[in-house]
C-alpha atoms as a PDB file:
ATOM      1  CA  MET A   1      13.187 -40.100  58.806  1.00  0.00           C
ATOM      2  CA  LYS A   2       9.986 -40.044  56.782  1.00  0.00           C
ATOM      3  CA  THR A   3       9.999 -37.766  53.706  1.00  0.00           C
ATOM      4  CA  PRO A   4       7.376 -35.009  54.037  1.00  0.00           C
ATOM      5  CA  GLU A   5       4.324 -35.429  51.832  1.00  0.00           C
ATOM      6  CA  SER A   6       4.809 -31.965  50.286  1.00  0.00           C
ATOM      7  CA  VAL A   7       8.298 -33.003  49.072  1.00  0.00           C
ATOM      8  CA  LEU A   8       6.927 -36.246  47.591  1.00  0.00           C
ATOM      9  CA  LYS A   9       4.190 -34.297  45.779  1.00  0.00           C
ATOM     10  CA  LYS A  10       6.765 -31.808  44.436  1.00  0.00           C
ATOM     11  CA  GLU A  11       9.015 -34.647  43.191  1.00  0.00           C
ATOM     12  CA  ALA A  12       6.035 -36.380  41.518  1.00  0.00           C
ATOM     13  CA  THR A  13       5.013 -33.115  39.829  1.00  0.00           C
ATOM     14  CA  GLN A  14       8.571 -32.475  38.607  1.00  0.00           C
ATOM     15  CA  ALA A  15       8.849 -36.039  37.261  1.00  0.00           C
ATOM     16  CA  LYS A  16       5.533 -35.633  35.417  1.00  0.00           C
ATOM     17  CA  VAL A  17       6.639 -32.285  33.933  1.00  0.00           C
ATOM     18  CA  ALA A  18       9.968 -33.816  32.827  1.00  0.00           C
ATOM     19  CA  ALA A  19       8.166 -36.816  31.256  1.00  0.00           C
ATOM     20  CA  ASP A  20       5.715 -34.506  29.412  1.00  0.00           C
ATOM     21  CA  LYS A  21       8.597 -32.338  28.184  1.00  0.00           C
ATOM     22  CA  ALA A  22      10.539 -35.379  26.918  1.00  0.00           C
ATOM     23  CA  ALA A  23       7.412 -36.695  25.144  1.00  0.00           C
ATOM     24  CA  ALA A  24       6.764 -33.282  23.538  1.00  0.00           C
ATOM     25  CA  GLU A  25      10.408 -33.025  22.372  1.00  0.00           C
ATOM     26  CA  LYS A  26      10.257 -36.520  20.877  1.00  0.00           C
ATOM     27  CA  ALA A  27       6.957 -35.724  19.103  1.00  0.00           C
ATOM     28  CA  ALA A  28       8.438 -32.458  17.775  1.00  0.00           C
ATOM     29  CA  GLU A  29      11.516 -34.314  16.457  1.00  0.00           C
ATOM     30  CA  GLU A  30       9.347 -36.943  14.726  1.00  0.00           C
ATOM     31  CA  LYS A  31       7.151 -34.210  13.220  1.00  0.00           C
ATOM     32  CA  ALA A  32      10.228 -32.292  11.987  1.00  0.00           C
ATOM     33  CA  VAL A  33      11.579 -35.420  10.250  1.00  0.00           C
ATOM     34  CA  ALA A  34       8.182 -36.206   8.677  1.00  0.00           C
ATOM     35  CA  ASP A  35       7.708 -32.573   7.596  1.00  0.00           C
ATOM     36  CA  THR A  36      11.180 -32.420   6.013  1.00  0.00           C
ATOM     37  CA  GLU A  37      10.388 -35.518   3.948  1.00  0.00           C
ATOM     38  CA  LYS A  38       6.971 -34.147   2.959  1.00  0.00           C
ATOM     39  CA  PHE A  39       8.351 -30.710   2.001  1.00  0.00           C
ATOM     40  CA  LYS A  40      11.096 -32.355  -0.080  1.00  0.00           C
ATOM     41  CA  GLU A  41       8.494 -34.435  -1.961  1.00  0.00           C
ATOM     42  CA  ASN A  42       6.348 -31.312  -2.565  1.00  0.00           C
ATOM     43  CA  SER A  43       9.341 -29.371  -3.874  1.00  0.00           C
ATOM     44  CA  GLU A  44      10.276 -32.187  -6.290  1.00  0.00           C
ATOM     45  CA  LYS A  45       6.649 -32.463  -7.457  1.00  0.00           C
ATOM     46  CA  TYR A  46       6.473 -28.712  -8.183  1.00  0.00           C
ATOM     47  CA  ASP A  47       9.830 -28.828 -10.035  1.00  0.00           C
ATOM     48  CA  LYS A  48       8.450 -31.563 -12.308  1.00  0.00           C
ATOM     49  CA  GLU A  49       5.288 -29.498 -12.925  1.00  0.00           C
ATOM     50  CA  TYR A  50       7.316 -26.438 -13.936  1.00  0.00           C
ATOM     51  CA  GLU A  51       9.586 -28.504 -16.206  1.00  0.00           C
ATOM     52  CA  ALA A  52       6.546 -30.089 -17.890  1.00  0.00           C
ATOM     53  CA  GLU A  53       5.028 -26.608 -18.404  1.00  0.00           C
ATOM     54  CA  VAL A  54       8.216 -25.291 -20.050  1.00  0.00           C
ATOM     55  CA  ARG A  55       8.551 -28.400 -22.251  1.00  0.00           C
ATOM     56  CA  GLY A  56       4.899 -28.153 -23.274  1.00  0.00           C
ATOM     57  CA  ALA A  57       5.317 -24.509 -24.343  1.00  0.00           C
ATOM     58  CA  ILE A  58       8.445 -25.374 -26.409  1.00  0.00           C
ATOM     59  CA  GLU A  59       6.660 -28.298 -28.109  1.00  0.00           C
ATOM     60  CA  ASN A  60       3.624 -26.126 -28.919  1.00  0.00           C
ATOM     61  CA  ARG A  61       5.881 -23.472 -30.503  1.00  0.00           C
ATOM     62  CA  ARG A  62       7.614 -26.124 -32.619  1.00  0.00           C
ATOM     63  CA  LYS A  63       4.302 -27.619 -33.765  1.00  0.00           C
ATOM     64  CA  ALA A  64       2.943 -24.173 -34.666  1.00  0.00           C
ATOM     65  CA  LYS A  65       6.116 -23.313 -36.586  1.00  0.00           C
ATOM     66  CA  ALA A  66       6.056 -26.655 -38.455  1.00  0.00           C
ATOM     67  CA  SER A  67       2.437 -26.109 -39.502  1.00  0.00           C
ATOM     68  CA  GLY A  68       3.124 -22.494 -40.554  1.00  0.00           C
ATOM     69  CA  GLY A  69       1.056 -21.000 -37.734  1.00  0.00           C
ATOM     70  CA  PHE A  70       1.719 -19.063 -34.552  1.00  0.00           C
ATOM     71  CA  TYR A  71       1.698 -20.241 -30.963  1.00  0.00           C
ATOM     72  CA  VAL A  72      -0.239 -17.911 -28.659  1.00  0.00           C
ATOM     73  CA  PRO A  73       0.747 -18.533 -24.997  1.00  0.00           C
ATOM     74  CA  PRO A  74      -1.997 -18.370 -22.325  1.00  0.00           C
ATOM     75  CA  GLU A  75      -2.775 -14.968 -20.814  1.00  0.00           C
ATOM     76  CA  PRO A  76      -0.605 -14.278 -17.733  1.00  0.00           C
ATOM     77  CA  LYS A  77      -2.475 -14.566 -14.433  1.00  0.00           C
ATOM     78  CA  LEU A  78       0.076 -12.906 -12.149  1.00  0.00           C
ATOM     79  CA  ALA A  79       1.709  -9.467 -12.104  1.00  0.00           C
ATOM     80  CA  LEU A  80       4.409  -7.990  -9.898  1.00  0.00           C
ATOM     81  CA  VAL A  81       3.822  -4.283  -9.232  1.00  0.00           C
ATOM     82  CA  ILE A  82       6.623  -1.984  -7.991  1.00  0.00           C
ATOM     83  CA  ARG A  83       6.048   1.600  -6.859  1.00  0.00           C
ATOM     84  CA  ILE A  84       8.669   3.913  -8.402  1.00  0.00           C
ATOM     85  CA  ARG A  85       7.336   7.378  -7.440  1.00  0.00           C
ATOM     86  CA  GLY A  86       6.597   9.067  -4.120  1.00  0.00           C
ATOM     87  CA  THR A  87       3.449  10.813  -2.893  1.00  0.00           C
ATOM     88  CA  ILE A  88       3.894  14.258  -4.473  1.00  0.00           C
ATOM     89  CA  GLY A  89       1.292  15.008  -7.132  1.00  0.00           C
ATOM     90  CA  VAL A  90      -0.605  11.715  -6.760  1.00  0.00           C
ATOM     91  CA  SER A  91      -4.346  12.032  -7.437  1.00  0.00           C
ATOM     92  CA  PRO A  92      -6.729  10.806  -4.673  1.00  0.00           C
ATOM     93  CA  LYS A  93      -8.062   7.998  -6.901  1.00  0.00           C
ATOM     94  CA  ALA A  94      -4.559   6.742  -7.751  1.00  0.00           C
ATOM     95  CA  LYS A  95      -3.567   6.997  -4.074  1.00  0.00           C
ATOM     96  CA  LYS A  96      -6.575   4.849  -3.105  1.00  0.00           C
ATOM     97  CA  VAL A  97      -5.690   2.191  -5.719  1.00  0.00           C
ATOM     98  CA  MET A  98      -2.096   2.051  -4.461  1.00  0.00           C
ATOM     99  CA  GLN A  99      -3.389   1.616  -0.912  1.00  0.00           C
ATOM    100  CA  LEU A 100      -5.551  -1.300  -2.111  1.00  0.00           C
ATOM    101  CA  PHE A 101      -2.453  -2.846  -3.699  1.00  0.00           C
ATOM    102  CA  ARG A 102      -0.534  -2.136  -0.411  1.00  0.00           C
ATOM    103  CA  LEU A 103       2.004   0.054  -2.240  1.00  0.00           C
ATOM    104  CA  ARG A 104       2.334   2.671   0.505  1.00  0.00           C
ATOM    105  CA  GLN A 105       6.061   3.386   0.177  1.00  0.00           C
ATOM    106  CA  LEU A 106       8.589   3.980  -2.582  1.00  0.00           C
ATOM    107  CA  HIS A 107      10.048   0.715  -3.986  1.00  0.00           C
ATOM    108  CA  ASN A 108       7.365  -1.420  -2.342  1.00  0.00           C
ATOM    109  CA  ALA A 109       6.410  -4.447  -4.454  1.00  0.00           C
ATOM    110  CA  THR A 110       3.366  -6.746  -4.315  1.00  0.00           C
ATOM    111  CA  PHE A 111       1.841  -9.565  -6.352  1.00  0.00           C
ATOM    112  CA  VAL A 112      -1.487  -8.891  -8.078  1.00  0.00           C
ATOM    113  CA  LYS A 113      -3.895 -11.408  -9.598  1.00  0.00           C
ATOM    114  CA  LEU A 114      -4.707 -10.222 -13.120  1.00  0.00           C
ATOM    115  CA  ASN A 115      -8.342  -9.858 -14.143  1.00  0.00           C
ATOM    116  CA  GLU A 116     -10.401  -7.183 -15.885  1.00  0.00           C
ATOM    117  CA  ALA A 117     -10.805  -5.087 -12.708  1.00  0.00           C
ATOM    118  CA  THR A 118      -7.141  -5.180 -11.612  1.00  0.00           C
ATOM    119  CA  ILE A 119      -5.903  -4.427 -15.157  1.00  0.00           C
ATOM    120  CA  ARG A 120      -8.083  -1.260 -15.191  1.00  0.00           C
ATOM    121  CA  MET A 121      -6.703  -0.283 -11.774  1.00  0.00           C
ATOM    122  CA  LEU A 122      -3.120  -0.825 -12.951  1.00  0.00           C
ATOM    123  CA  ARG A 123      -3.694   1.444 -15.952  1.00  0.00           C
ATOM    124  CA  LEU A 124      -4.951   4.145 -13.577  1.00  0.00           C
ATOM    125  CA  ILE A 125      -1.706   4.117 -11.550  1.00  0.00           C
ATOM    126  CA  GLU A 126       0.715   3.537 -14.456  1.00  0.00           C
ATOM    127  CA  PRO A 127       2.562   6.890 -14.007  1.00  0.00           C
ATOM    128  CA  TYR A 128       3.549   5.903 -10.444  1.00  0.00           C
ATOM    129  CA  VAL A 129       4.376   2.189 -10.795  1.00  0.00           C
ATOM    130  CA  THR A 130       5.997  -0.316 -13.102  1.00  0.00           C
ATOM    131  CA  TYR A 131       4.697  -3.870 -13.457  1.00  0.00           C
ATOM    132  CA  GLY A 132       5.168  -7.054 -15.427  1.00  0.00           C
ATOM    133  CA  TYR A 133       4.954 -10.826 -15.358  1.00  0.00           C
ATOM    134  CA  PRO A 134       7.383 -12.475 -12.910  1.00  0.00           C
ATOM    135  CA  THR A 135       9.001 -15.833 -13.626  1.00  0.00           C
ATOM    136  CA  ARG A 136       8.984 -18.611 -11.072  1.00  0.00           C
ATOM    137  CA  ALA A 137      12.659 -17.815 -10.282  1.00  0.00           C
ATOM    138  CA  THR A 138      11.762 -14.166  -9.530  1.00  0.00           C
ATOM    139  CA  VAL A 139       8.880 -15.179  -7.217  1.00  0.00           C
ATOM    140  CA  GLN A 140      11.231 -17.598  -5.454  1.00  0.00           C
ATOM    141  CA  LYS A 141      14.032 -15.026  -5.007  1.00  0.00           C
ATOM    142  CA  LEU A 142      11.654 -12.378  -3.653  1.00  0.00           C
ATOM    143  CA  ILE A 143      10.173 -14.747  -1.052  1.00  0.00           C
ATOM    144  CA  TYR A 144      13.507 -16.297  -0.044  1.00  0.00           C
ATOM    145  CA  LYS A 145      15.510 -13.028   0.045  1.00  0.00           C
ATOM    146  CA  ARG A 146      12.954 -10.351   1.003  1.00  0.00           C
ATOM    147  CA  GLY A 147      10.035 -12.427   2.300  1.00  0.00           C
ATOM    148  CA  PHE A 148       8.272 -11.353   5.506  1.00  0.00           C
ATOM    149  CA  GLY A 149       5.063 -12.910   6.783  1.00  0.00           C
ATOM    150  CA  LYS A 150       2.191 -11.403   8.744  1.00  0.00           C
ATOM    151  CA  LEU A 151       1.645 -13.182  12.085  1.00  0.00           C
ATOM    152  CA  ASN A 152      -0.556 -11.548  14.744  1.00  0.00           C
ATOM    153  CA  LYS A 153      -0.290  -8.287  12.748  1.00  0.00           C
ATOM    154  CA  GLN A 154       3.511  -8.386  13.103  1.00  0.00           C
ATOM    155  CA  ARG A 155       6.151  -8.402  10.350  1.00  0.00           C
ATOM    156  CA  ILE A 156       8.057 -11.661  10.821  1.00  0.00           C
ATOM    157  CA  PRO A 157      10.939 -12.739   8.504  1.00  0.00           C
ATOM    158  CA  ILE A 158      10.292 -16.064   6.743  1.00  0.00           C
ATOM    159  CA  ALA A 159      13.386 -17.707   8.239  1.00  0.00           C
ATOM    160  CA  ASP A 160      11.999 -21.262   8.158  1.00  0.00           C
ATOM    161  CA  ASN A 161       8.912 -23.264   7.204  1.00  0.00           C
ATOM    162  CA  THR A 162       7.303 -23.006  10.660  1.00  0.00           C
ATOM    163  CA  ILE A 163       6.450 -19.331   9.980  1.00  0.00           C
ATOM    164  CA  VAL A 164       4.590 -20.312   6.782  1.00  0.00           C
ATOM    165  CA  GLU A 165       2.843 -23.217   8.528  1.00  0.00           C
ATOM    166  CA  LYS A 166       1.657 -21.006  11.401  1.00  0.00           C
ATOM    167  CA  GLY A 167       0.238 -18.410   9.015  1.00  0.00           C
ATOM    168  CA  LEU A 168      -1.149 -20.611   6.222  1.00  0.00           C
ATOM    169  CA  GLY A 169      -1.234 -24.201   7.543  1.00  0.00           C
ATOM    170  CA  GLU A 170      -5.051 -24.188   7.645  1.00  0.00           C
ATOM    171  CA  HIS A 171      -5.056 -23.560   3.859  1.00  0.00           C
ATOM    172  CA  GLY A 172      -2.704 -26.485   3.132  1.00  0.00           C
ATOM    173  CA  ILE A 173       0.352 -24.221   2.613  1.00  0.00           C
ATOM    174  CA  CYS A 174       2.964 -25.556   5.016  1.00  0.00           C
ATOM    175  CA  CYS A 175       6.358 -24.678   3.525  1.00  0.00           C
ATOM    176  CA  THR A 176       8.047 -22.055   1.365  1.00  0.00           C
ATOM    177  CA  ALA A 177       7.813 -24.300  -1.724  1.00  0.00           C
ATOM    178  CA  ASP A 178       4.012 -24.472  -1.227  1.00  0.00           C
ATOM    179  CA  LEU A 179       3.879 -20.674  -0.869  1.00  0.00           C
ATOM    180  CA  VAL A 180       5.925 -20.062  -4.052  1.00  0.00           C
ATOM    181  CA  HIS A 181       3.738 -22.556  -5.970  1.00  0.00           C
ATOM    182  CA  GLU A 182       0.484 -20.980  -4.726  1.00  0.00           C
ATOM    183  CA  ILE A 183       1.620 -17.470  -5.715  1.00  0.00           C
ATOM    184  CA  TYR A 184       3.170 -18.387  -9.083  1.00  0.00           C
ATOM    185  CA  THR A 185       0.236 -20.557 -10.242  1.00  0.00           C
ATOM    186  CA  VAL A 186      -2.381 -18.177  -8.708  1.00  0.00           C
ATOM    187  CA  GLY A 187      -3.943 -21.133  -6.895  1.00  0.00           C
ATOM    188  CA  PRO A 188      -7.285 -21.293  -5.044  1.00  0.00           C
ATOM    189  CA  ASN A 189      -5.725 -19.858  -1.856  1.00  0.00           C
ATOM    190  CA  PHE A 190      -3.816 -17.064  -3.636  1.00  0.00           C
ATOM    191  CA  LYS A 191      -5.637 -14.308  -1.719  1.00  0.00           C
ATOM    192  CA  GLN A 192      -4.725 -15.752   1.698  1.00  0.00           C
ATOM    193  CA  ALA A 193      -1.125 -16.467   0.602  1.00  0.00           C
ATOM    194  CA  ASN A 194      -0.680 -12.965  -0.830  1.00  0.00           C
ATOM    195  CA  ASN A 195      -2.201 -11.304   2.257  1.00  0.00           C
ATOM    196  CA  PHE A 196       0.162 -13.331   4.458  1.00  0.00           C
ATOM    197  CA  LEU A 197       3.154 -11.877   2.566  1.00  0.00           C
ATOM    198  CA  TRP A 198       4.160  -8.409   3.740  1.00  0.00           C
ATOM    199  CA  PRO A 199       4.812  -5.992   0.819  1.00  0.00           C
ATOM    200  CA  PHE A 200       8.405  -6.488  -0.360  1.00  0.00           C
ATOM    201  CA  LYS A 201      10.767  -3.614   0.442  1.00  0.00           C
ATOM    202  CA  LEU A 202      13.180  -3.414  -2.481  1.00  0.00           C
ATOM    203  CA  SER A 203      16.338  -1.310  -2.793  1.00  0.00           C
ATOM    204  CA  SER A 204      16.962   1.389  -5.396  1.00  0.00           C
ATOM    205  CA  PRO A 205      18.038  -0.361  -8.619  1.00  0.00           C
ATOM    206  CA  LYS A 206      21.765  -0.644  -9.287  1.00  0.00           C
ATOM    207  CA  GLY A 207      22.629   2.278 -11.555  1.00  0.00           C
ATOM    208  CA  GLY A 208      19.421   4.043 -10.463  1.00  0.00           C
ATOM    209  CA  PHE A 209      16.559   5.403 -12.548  1.00  0.00           C
ATOM    210  CA  SER A 210      17.295   8.149 -15.054  1.00  0.00           C
ATOM    211  CA  ARG A 211      15.853  11.518 -13.964  1.00  0.00           C
ATOM    212  CA  LYS A 212      15.048  12.427 -17.553  1.00  0.00           C
ATOM    213  CA  THR A 213      13.167   9.247 -18.419  1.00  0.00           C
ATOM    214  CA  LYS A 214      11.757   8.070 -15.065  1.00  0.00           C
ATOM    215  CA  LEU A 215       8.403   9.798 -15.596  1.00  0.00           C
ATOM    216  CA  LEU A 216       7.990   8.485 -19.163  1.00  0.00           C
ATOM    217  CA  HIS A 217       6.217   5.248 -20.037  1.00  0.00           C
ATOM    218  CA  TYR A 218       8.435   2.189 -20.525  1.00  0.00           C
ATOM    219  CA  LEU A 219       7.443   1.993 -24.213  1.00  0.00           C
ATOM    220  CA  GLU A 220       8.704   5.583 -24.656  1.00  0.00           C
ATOM    221  CA  GLY A 221      12.072   4.727 -23.144  1.00  0.00           C
ATOM    222  CA  GLY A 222      11.049   5.509 -19.555  1.00  0.00           C
ATOM    223  CA  GLU A 223      10.507   3.426 -16.442  1.00  0.00           C
ATOM    224  CA  ALA A 224       6.772   3.614 -15.624  1.00  0.00           C
ATOM    225  CA  GLY A 225       3.959   1.335 -16.790  1.00  0.00           C
ATOM    226  CA  ALA A 226       3.851  -2.203 -18.139  1.00  0.00           C
ATOM    227  CA  ARG A 227       7.130  -3.881 -19.049  1.00  0.00           C
ATOM    228  CA  ALA A 228       5.972  -7.536 -19.407  1.00  0.00           C
ATOM    229  CA  GLU A 229       8.830 -10.040 -18.803  1.00  0.00           C
ATOM    230  CA  GLU A 230      11.411  -7.228 -18.491  1.00  0.00           C
ATOM    231  CA  ILE A 231      10.223  -6.775 -14.866  1.00  0.00           C
ATOM    232  CA  ASN A 232      12.465  -9.733 -13.961  1.00  0.00           C
ATOM    233  CA  LYS A 233      15.617  -7.817 -14.978  1.00  0.00           C
ATOM    234  CA  LEU A 234      14.537  -4.827 -12.881  1.00  0.00           C
ATOM    235  CA  VAL A 235      13.870  -7.006  -9.802  1.00  0.00           C
ATOM    236  CA  LYS A 236      17.347  -8.514 -10.179  1.00  0.00           C
ATOM    237  CA  ARG A 237      18.814  -4.975  -9.988  1.00  0.00           C
ATOM    238  CA  MET A 238      16.668  -4.123  -6.925  1.00  0.00           C
ATOM    239  CA  LEU A 239      17.318  -7.206  -4.762  1.00  0.00           C
END
């Protein structure tokens, strides 16, 4: 009995679909292997850069000390800002600045590129936030532990490198190591990388804030305002 033409067409279509699917799976596997190798190389390259930076700073301090001078480190380019007060009693101008920094909720944290304009804005909202200069380890922990990306206006957890590649691949940022490097070094695509990151939602710090000193400036024994490198200790308590 002759096989109907419709059945032959259906079988041919199914075979073509199966062949296309197998080819796509093979291409995806090859890409995954190549990407893993590339991401590993990038991570090692960044590690060497950071080590060289630390060694350079130590050598400069030693040279300055030997010559009887002082070593002045370069001005920090990156700040981590954490909102520590709610909405009650916030002036409209301060509220607008916090909206620009995407600090809409208590214990939200965002990265800010430091320049003359942003430093003035930070001083305006000092009573409601605390900020400082994060280390590379702090940036890494925040992205790995509390990192969420913005894809199609949705909050997606950064569970693997494909999320980063979908959101920032066009800017040459294809993995989490690239994202950490771009943020920490305040690279040319910092704005896109920072906008891709959803504001971090931190927990209340272990031990909490003191009611008596929370509203005071950090230099007066309180919690608000600039705290330089001490921000890293606070983040550790809030992760």
